[in-house]
């Protein structure tokens, strides 16, 4: 999936942080209309002291600025009054970049094909069940 994004979307780039030549973290950033979007990221957990996740995202931020982007959307943080929220650690990471928090109404799903939506819903439920059984 990520390889396809890189190969087919010129405005989407994966930034990989390496320590001693070994990949330790990556961030996927897309650009559109003067704004960059932090889509995905991950790290192996190795070499945490070197902060490879920060390095990968910072590379994406710098590249977005060089491409003329005026904004960089980090896409969501946990409420600051909920330290046990599942996104709390990720939110500390994102807030570490000094961003302004902006609240929007939220995401809405518009279903154009009800039968297709049922198939996708069934597939997702099957995946969840398979993960639990493993």
C-alpha atoms as a PDB file:
ATOM      1  CA  UNK A   1       0.000   0.000   0.000  1.00  0.00           C
ATOM      2  CA  UNK A   2       2.689   2.512   0.992  1.00  0.00           C
ATOM      3  CA  UNK A   3       4.859   1.577  -1.964  1.00  0.00           C
ATOM      4  CA  UNK A   4       1.884   2.237  -4.268  1.00  0.00           C
ATOM      5  CA  UNK A   5       1.337   5.647  -2.670  1.00  0.00           C
ATOM      6  CA  UNK A   6       4.961   6.578  -3.295  1.00  0.00           C
ATOM      7  CA  UNK A   7       4.962   5.232  -6.849  1.00  0.00           C
ATOM      8  CA  UNK A   8       1.674   6.690  -8.054  1.00  0.00           C
ATOM      9  CA  UNK A   9       1.070   9.881  -6.091  1.00  0.00           C
ATOM     10  CA  UNK A  10       3.723  12.484  -6.741  1.00  0.00           C
ATOM     11  CA  UNK A  11       2.370  14.558  -3.860  1.00  0.00           C
ATOM     12  CA  UNK A  12       2.832  11.713  -1.356  1.00  0.00           C
ATOM     13  CA  UNK A  13       6.228  10.874   0.096  1.00  0.00           C
ATOM     14  CA  UNK A  14       7.592   8.514   2.725  1.00  0.00           C
ATOM     15  CA  UNK A  15      10.396   9.824   4.931  1.00  0.00           C
ATOM     16  CA  UNK A  16      12.546   7.193   6.630  1.00  0.00           C
ATOM     17  CA  UNK A  17      14.837   7.836   9.587  1.00  0.00           C
ATOM     18  CA  UNK A  18      17.811   5.537   9.893  1.00  0.00           C
ATOM     19  CA  UNK A  19      20.264   4.936  12.715  1.00  0.00           C
ATOM     20  CA  UNK A  20      23.566   3.368  11.653  1.00  0.00           C
ATOM     21  CA  UNK A  21      21.984   2.701   8.254  1.00  0.00           C
ATOM     22  CA  UNK A  22      19.078   0.745   9.719  1.00  0.00           C
ATOM     23  CA  UNK A  23      15.512   2.065   9.210  1.00  0.00           C
ATOM     24  CA  UNK A  24      13.950   2.861  12.590  1.00  0.00           C
ATOM     25  CA  UNK A  25      10.993   5.134  11.809  1.00  0.00           C
ATOM     26  CA  UNK A  26       8.995   6.456   8.888  1.00  0.00           C
ATOM     27  CA  UNK A  27       6.353   9.087   8.194  1.00  0.00           C
ATOM     28  CA  UNK A  28       4.055   9.342   5.180  1.00  0.00           C
ATOM     29  CA  UNK A  29       3.182  12.887   4.151  1.00  0.00           C
ATOM     30  CA  UNK A  30       0.852  14.012   1.349  1.00  0.00           C
ATOM     31  CA  UNK A  31       0.534  17.510  -0.106  1.00  0.00           C
ATOM     32  CA  UNK A  32      -2.477  19.166  -1.679  1.00  0.00           C
ATOM     33  CA  UNK A  33      -3.554  22.752  -2.209  1.00  0.00           C
ATOM     34  CA  UNK A  34      -0.757  24.370  -0.219  1.00  0.00           C
ATOM     35  CA  UNK A  35      -1.211  22.101   2.780  1.00  0.00           C
ATOM     36  CA  UNK A  36       0.691  18.987   3.853  1.00  0.00           C
ATOM     37  CA  UNK A  37      -0.945  16.114   5.734  1.00  0.00           C
ATOM     38  CA  UNK A  38       0.672  13.667   8.149  1.00  0.00           C
ATOM     39  CA  UNK A  39      -1.052  10.462   7.050  1.00  0.00           C
ATOM     40  CA  UNK A  40       0.797   7.598   8.736  1.00  0.00           C
ATOM     41  CA  UNK A  41       3.891   6.956  10.775  1.00  0.00           C
ATOM     42  CA  UNK A  42       5.546   4.178  12.656  1.00  0.00           C
ATOM     43  CA  UNK A  43       8.730   3.174  14.356  1.00  0.00           C
ATOM     44  CA  UNK A  44      10.454  -0.013  15.358  1.00  0.00           C
ATOM     45  CA  UNK A  45      11.076   1.263  18.881  1.00  0.00           C
ATOM     46  CA  UNK A  46      14.808   0.808  18.403  1.00  0.00           C
ATOM     47  CA  UNK A  47      17.205   3.685  19.116  1.00  0.00           C
ATOM     48  CA  UNK A  48      14.519   5.742  20.855  1.00  0.00           C
ATOM     49  CA  UNK A  49      17.252   7.899  22.362  1.00  0.00           C
ATOM     50  CA  UNK A  50      18.021   9.150  18.818  1.00  0.00           C
ATOM     51  CA  UNK A  51      14.362  10.189  18.292  1.00  0.00           C
ATOM     52  CA  UNK A  52      14.051   8.696  14.796  1.00  0.00           C
ATOM     53  CA  UNK A  53      10.284   9.321  14.665  1.00  0.00           C
ATOM     54  CA  UNK A  54      10.905  13.042  15.188  1.00  0.00           C
ATOM     55  CA  UNK A  55      13.573  13.009  12.485  1.00  0.00           C
ATOM     56  CA  UNK A  56      11.266  11.326   9.955  1.00  0.00           C
ATOM     57  CA  UNK A  57       8.419  13.755  10.572  1.00  0.00           C
ATOM     58  CA  UNK A  58      10.752  16.756  10.632  1.00  0.00           C
ATOM     59  CA  UNK A  59      12.066  15.732   7.199  1.00  0.00           C
ATOM     60  CA  UNK A  60       8.468  15.692   5.958  1.00  0.00           C
ATOM     61  CA  UNK A  61       7.756  19.109   7.472  1.00  0.00           C
ATOM     62  CA  UNK A  62      10.865  20.625   5.888  1.00  0.00           C
ATOM     63  CA  UNK A  63      10.076  19.102   2.475  1.00  0.00           C
ATOM     64  CA  UNK A  64       6.505  20.416   2.650  1.00  0.00           C
ATOM     65  CA  UNK A  65       7.763  23.916   3.398  1.00  0.00           C
ATOM     66  CA  UNK A  66      10.236  23.696   0.507  1.00  0.00           C
ATOM     67  CA  UNK A  67       7.363  22.595  -1.763  1.00  0.00           C
ATOM     68  CA  UNK A  68       5.467  25.768  -0.826  1.00  0.00           C
ATOM     69  CA  UNK A  69       3.007  24.360   1.707  1.00  0.00           C
ATOM     70  CA  UNK A  70       1.693  26.976   4.133  1.00  0.00           C
ATOM     71  CA  UNK A  71       0.231  24.499   6.638  1.00  0.00           C
ATOM     72  CA  UNK A  72       1.079  21.070   7.984  1.00  0.00           C
ATOM     73  CA  UNK A  73      -1.891  19.131   9.341  1.00  0.00           C
ATOM     74  CA  UNK A  74      -0.929  16.549  11.986  1.00  0.00           C
ATOM     75  CA  UNK A  75      -4.476  15.102  12.025  1.00  0.00           C
ATOM     76  CA  UNK A  76      -5.734  14.833  15.527  1.00  0.00           C
ATOM     77  CA  UNK A  77      -4.664  14.698  19.131  1.00  0.00           C
ATOM     78  CA  UNK A  78      -6.222  13.380  22.305  1.00  0.00           C
ATOM     79  CA  UNK A  79      -8.047  15.855  24.530  1.00  0.00           C
ATOM     80  CA  UNK A  80      -5.425  17.431  26.795  1.00  0.00           C
ATOM     81  CA  UNK A  81      -7.513  16.649  29.891  1.00  0.00           C
ATOM     82  CA  UNK A  82      -7.446  12.883  29.183  1.00  0.00           C
ATOM     83  CA  UNK A  83      -3.950  11.563  30.057  1.00  0.00           C
ATOM     84  CA  UNK A  84      -5.094   7.925  29.703  1.00  0.00           C
ATOM     85  CA  UNK A  85      -6.574   8.390  26.243  1.00  0.00           C
ATOM     86  CA  UNK A  86      -5.243   5.812  23.717  1.00  0.00           C
ATOM     87  CA  UNK A  87      -3.716   8.663  21.680  1.00  0.00           C
ATOM     88  CA  UNK A  88      -2.059  10.392  24.658  1.00  0.00           C
ATOM     89  CA  UNK A  89       1.507   9.356  23.743  1.00  0.00           C
ATOM     90  CA  UNK A  90       1.009  10.193  20.079  1.00  0.00           C
ATOM     91  CA  UNK A  91      -0.445  13.534  21.127  1.00  0.00           C
ATOM     92  CA  UNK A  92       2.635  14.376  23.201  1.00  0.00           C
ATOM     93  CA  UNK A  93       4.717  13.599  20.107  1.00  0.00           C
ATOM     94  CA  UNK A  94       2.575  15.830  17.874  1.00  0.00           C
ATOM     95  CA  UNK A  95       2.366  18.675  20.393  1.00  0.00           C
ATOM     96  CA  UNK A  96       6.160  18.570  20.605  1.00  0.00           C
ATOM     97  CA  UNK A  97       6.255  20.239  17.198  1.00  0.00           C
ATOM     98  CA  UNK A  98       4.581  23.347  18.656  1.00  0.00           C
ATOM     99  CA  UNK A  99       1.471  23.252  16.514  1.00  0.00           C
ATOM    100  CA  UNK A 100      -1.737  25.176  17.074  1.00  0.00           C
ATOM    101  CA  UNK A 101      -4.676  22.935  17.859  1.00  0.00           C
ATOM    102  CA  UNK A 102      -7.700  23.509  15.643  1.00  0.00           C
ATOM    103  CA  UNK A 103     -11.061  21.855  16.272  1.00  0.00           C
ATOM    104  CA  UNK A 104     -13.365  20.849  13.438  1.00  0.00           C
ATOM    105  CA  UNK A 105     -16.826  19.334  13.404  1.00  0.00           C
ATOM    106  CA  UNK A 106     -15.450  15.873  12.670  1.00  0.00           C
ATOM    107  CA  UNK A 107     -15.437  13.325   9.908  1.00  0.00           C
ATOM    108  CA  UNK A 108     -18.640  12.197   8.260  1.00  0.00           C
ATOM    109  CA  UNK A 109     -19.131   9.209   6.051  1.00  0.00           C
ATOM    110  CA  UNK A 110     -21.361   9.520   3.008  1.00  0.00           C
ATOM    111  CA  UNK A 111     -22.390   6.141   1.620  1.00  0.00           C
ATOM    112  CA  UNK A 112     -22.959   6.158  -2.125  1.00  0.00           C
ATOM    113  CA  UNK A 113     -23.270   2.396  -2.512  1.00  0.00           C
ATOM    114  CA  UNK A 114     -25.114   0.739   0.411  1.00  0.00           C
ATOM    115  CA  UNK A 115     -24.390  -2.803  -0.790  1.00  0.00           C
ATOM    116  CA  UNK A 116     -20.676  -2.039  -1.163  1.00  0.00           C
ATOM    117  CA  UNK A 117     -20.664  -0.472   2.292  1.00  0.00           C
ATOM    118  CA  UNK A 118     -22.197  -3.633   3.767  1.00  0.00           C
ATOM    119  CA  UNK A 119     -19.500  -5.760   2.086  1.00  0.00           C
ATOM    120  CA  UNK A 120     -16.737  -3.533   3.473  1.00  0.00           C
ATOM    121  CA  UNK A 121     -18.324  -3.548   6.923  1.00  0.00           C
ATOM    122  CA  UNK A 122     -18.526  -7.350   6.862  1.00  0.00           C
ATOM    123  CA  UNK A 123     -14.883  -7.602   5.748  1.00  0.00           C
ATOM    124  CA  UNK A 124     -13.752  -5.295   8.562  1.00  0.00           C
ATOM    125  CA  UNK A 125     -15.739  -7.281  11.144  1.00  0.00           C
ATOM    126  CA  UNK A 126     -14.143 -10.483   9.804  1.00  0.00           C
ATOM    127  CA  UNK A 127     -10.655  -8.942  10.100  1.00  0.00           C
ATOM    128  CA  UNK A 128     -11.327  -7.897  13.704  1.00  0.00           C
ATOM    129  CA  UNK A 129     -12.522 -11.395  14.549  1.00  0.00           C
ATOM    130  CA  UNK A 130      -9.491 -12.988  12.860  1.00  0.00           C
ATOM    131  CA  UNK A 131      -7.141 -10.721  14.843  1.00  0.00           C
ATOM    132  CA  UNK A 132      -8.841 -11.673  18.105  1.00  0.00           C
ATOM    133  CA  UNK A 133      -8.663 -15.394  17.279  1.00  0.00           C
ATOM    134  CA  UNK A 134      -4.943 -15.180  16.523  1.00  0.00           C
END
